[in-house]
Amino acid sequence: MGGAAKTAVEWLVSVAPDPRTCWWEWERNPLGVTLLPAGRLWDVLIVSGRLGCPTLDVLTRCVDRPGPVLGDFEDRRTGFFVPAGTAARWVGTGVRTAGRGSWIVVPYPGRASGGVRWLVPPDGSGTLNDPVLLETAMHEAMARIAADGL
């Protein structure tokens, strides 16, 4: 495993109740995924793929590198990692939140996995998506979708 992927894995498993056991199980899981608790270092805002992919396009034009973003293989859902506590304050139609008390299926960075993949993998530094910028990107993406009549 490369240095960046190892750092990303260490950052992700640091939220697990038992990081060593989580890491051990994750490396041996044939699907390449594990469940991690949201609400400690990060929350996740989950939108439909119809909105998620265009939102990510807008974000990548606004910042050099967005924070971590998950997608499922059928592009039905997109999950944006945001600072912990965001889910409790988020008000928005069509956005599911995963915060304290929620668990997220997370793929192993840098490996193929079953069901979910990193659209933007974590870099291990703790960089997350800014909720205000994310909301603005969602609005712009939705305006583009409406203008295109999709």
Protein backbone atom coordinates (compact mmCIF):
# COMPACT_ATOMS: atom_id res chain seq x y z
CA MET A 1 0.00 0.00 0.00
CA GLY A 2 1.36 3.43 -0.97
CA GLY A 3 1.99 6.18 1.56
CA ALA A 4 -1.04 8.27 0.60
CA ALA A 5 -3.42 5.30 0.75
CA LYS A 6 -1.97 4.19 4.10
CA THR A 7 -2.41 7.69 5.54
CA ALA A 8 -6.00 7.79 4.23
CA VAL A 9 -6.76 4.38 5.76
CA GLU A 10 -5.26 5.44 9.11
CA TRP A 11 -7.39 8.60 9.09
CA LEU A 12 -10.56 6.68 8.23
CA VAL A 13 -10.11 3.88 10.79
CA SER A 14 -9.27 6.38 13.54
CA VAL A 15 -13.04 6.82 14.00
CA ALA A 16 -13.63 3.10 14.56
CA PRO A 17 -14.33 1.90 18.12
CA ASP A 18 -11.34 -0.45 17.70
CA PRO A 19 -9.12 0.85 14.87
CA ARG A 20 -6.76 -2.16 14.87
CA THR A 21 -9.56 -4.68 14.53
CA CYS A 22 -11.28 -2.52 11.92
CA TRP A 23 -8.08 -2.30 9.88
CA TRP A 24 -7.48 -6.06 10.14
CA GLU A 25 -11.04 -6.93 9.08
CA TRP A 26 -11.05 -4.33 6.31
CA GLU A 27 -7.89 -5.69 4.72
CA ARG A 28 -9.41 -9.17 4.66
CA ASN A 29 -12.95 -8.28 3.55
CA PRO A 30 -13.50 -9.74 0.06
CA LEU A 31 -15.76 -6.80 -0.86
CA GLY A 32 -13.11 -4.27 0.22
CA VAL A 33 -15.52 -2.32 2.45
CA THR A 34 -16.09 -1.71 6.13
CA LEU A 35 -18.66 0.09 8.25
CA LEU A 36 -17.41 3.23 9.97
CA PRO A 37 -19.30 5.50 12.35
CA ALA A 38 -20.15 8.99 11.17
CA GLY A 39 -20.25 11.93 13.57
CA ARG A 40 -16.76 11.71 15.04
CA LEU A 41 -14.42 13.32 12.48
CA TRP A 42 -16.94 13.66 9.69
CA ASP A 43 -20.57 13.45 8.66
CA VAL A 44 -21.81 12.50 5.21
CA LEU A 45 -24.42 14.31 3.11
CA ILE A 46 -25.99 11.90 0.62
CA VAL A 47 -27.74 13.06 -2.53
CA SER A 48 -29.10 11.33 -5.62
CA GLY A 49 -26.55 10.62 -8.32
CA ARG A 50 -28.58 12.89 -10.58
CA LEU A 51 -27.58 15.80 -8.34
CA GLY A 52 -24.35 14.40 -6.89
CA CYS A 53 -22.28 14.10 -10.05
CA PRO A 54 -23.11 17.62 -11.30
CA THR A 55 -22.46 18.97 -7.79
CA LEU A 56 -19.04 17.34 -7.78
CA ASP A 57 -18.35 18.89 -11.20
CA VAL A 58 -19.14 22.34 -9.78
CA LEU A 59 -17.01 21.70 -6.67
CA THR A 60 -13.99 20.67 -8.72
CA ARG A 61 -14.15 24.00 -10.53
CA CYS A 62 -14.29 25.90 -7.22
CA VAL A 63 -11.49 24.20 -5.26
CA ASP A 64 -8.26 22.47 -6.23
CA ARG A 65 -9.30 19.26 -4.52
CA PRO A 66 -12.66 18.61 -2.87
CA GLY A 67 -12.88 16.58 0.31
CA PRO A 68 -13.76 12.88 0.15
CA VAL A 69 -16.74 11.87 -1.98
CA LEU A 70 -18.30 8.40 -2.27
CA GLY A 71 -20.40 7.07 -5.12
CA ASP A 72 -22.14 3.78 -5.70
CA PHE A 73 -21.36 1.83 -8.85
CA GLU A 74 -24.71 2.60 -10.42
CA ASP A 75 -24.35 6.33 -9.66
CA ARG A 76 -27.63 6.34 -7.76
CA ARG A 77 -26.16 8.07 -4.70
CA THR A 78 -23.25 10.38 -3.95
CA GLY A 79 -21.94 11.02 -0.42
CA PHE A 80 -19.96 14.14 0.47
CA PHE A 81 -17.82 14.01 3.64
CA VAL A 82 -18.34 17.21 5.66
CA PRO A 83 -17.30 18.31 9.17
CA ALA A 84 -18.83 16.44 12.10
CA GLY A 85 -22.00 18.14 13.33
CA THR A 86 -23.11 19.25 9.86
CA ALA A 87 -25.78 16.53 9.63
CA ALA A 88 -27.52 17.79 12.77
CA ARG A 89 -27.80 21.31 11.32
CA TRP A 90 -28.48 20.49 7.67
CA VAL A 91 -31.84 21.56 6.31
CA GLY A 92 -32.42 20.64 2.70
CA THR A 93 -34.91 18.74 0.63
CA GLY A 94 -33.61 15.57 -0.97
CA VAL A 95 -30.45 15.37 1.12
CA ARG A 96 -30.01 12.44 3.49
CA THR A 97 -27.64 12.96 6.36
CA ALA A 98 -25.38 10.57 8.25
CA GLY A 99 -24.10 11.98 11.51
CA ARG A 100 -23.65 10.79 15.07
CA GLY A 101 -25.32 7.40 15.47
CA SER A 102 -25.05 6.53 11.76
CA TRP A 103 -22.69 4.09 10.08
CA ILE A 104 -21.34 4.39 6.54
CA VAL A 105 -20.11 1.68 4.16
CA VAL A 106 -16.62 2.82 3.24
CA PRO A 107 -14.38 1.26 0.58
CA TYR A 108 -10.69 0.73 1.15
CA PRO A 109 -8.85 3.64 -0.55
CA GLY A 110 -6.96 2.61 -3.64
CA ARG A 111 -8.61 -0.80 -4.04
CA ALA A 112 -11.53 -2.07 -6.06
CA SER A 113 -14.56 -2.68 -3.86
CA GLY A 114 -18.07 -4.05 -4.06
CA GLY A 115 -20.91 -1.58 -4.32
CA VAL A 116 -19.24 1.74 -3.52
CA ARG A 117 -16.18 3.60 -4.75
CA TRP A 118 -14.27 6.77 -4.03
CA LEU A 119 -15.02 9.54 -6.51
CA VAL A 120 -12.58 11.65 -4.49
CA PRO A 121 -10.59 9.52 -2.04
CA PRO A 122 -9.53 10.93 1.31
CA ASP A 123 -5.97 12.22 1.37
CA GLY A 124 -5.46 11.41 5.05
CA SER A 125 -5.00 15.05 6.04
CA GLY A 126 -8.57 15.42 7.32
CA THR A 127 -9.63 17.72 4.47
CA LEU A 128 -13.44 17.74 4.21
CA ASN A 129 -15.98 19.45 1.99
CA ASP A 130 -17.02 22.89 3.18
CA PRO A 131 -20.80 22.74 3.84
CA VAL A 132 -21.44 26.30 2.63
CA LEU A 133 -19.52 25.76 -0.60
CA LEU A 134 -21.20 22.36 -1.02
CA GLU A 135 -24.66 23.89 -0.64
CA THR A 136 -23.80 26.57 -3.20
CA ALA A 137 -22.51 23.90 -5.59
CA MET A 138 -25.73 21.91 -5.12
CA HIS A 139 -27.82 24.97 -5.99
CA GLU A 140 -25.74 25.70 -9.09
CA ALA A 141 -25.90 22.04 -10.18
CA MET A 142 -29.68 21.98 -9.68
CA ALA A 143 -30.06 25.19 -11.70
CA ARG A 144 -28.07 23.61 -14.54
CA ILE A 145 -30.19 20.44 -14.38
CA ALA A 146 -33.38 22.53 -14.52
CA ALA A 147 -32.04 24.63 -17.42
CA ASP A 148 -31.17 21.48 -19.37
CA GLY A 149 -34.66 20.10 -18.70
CA LEU A 150 -33.30 16.89 -17.18
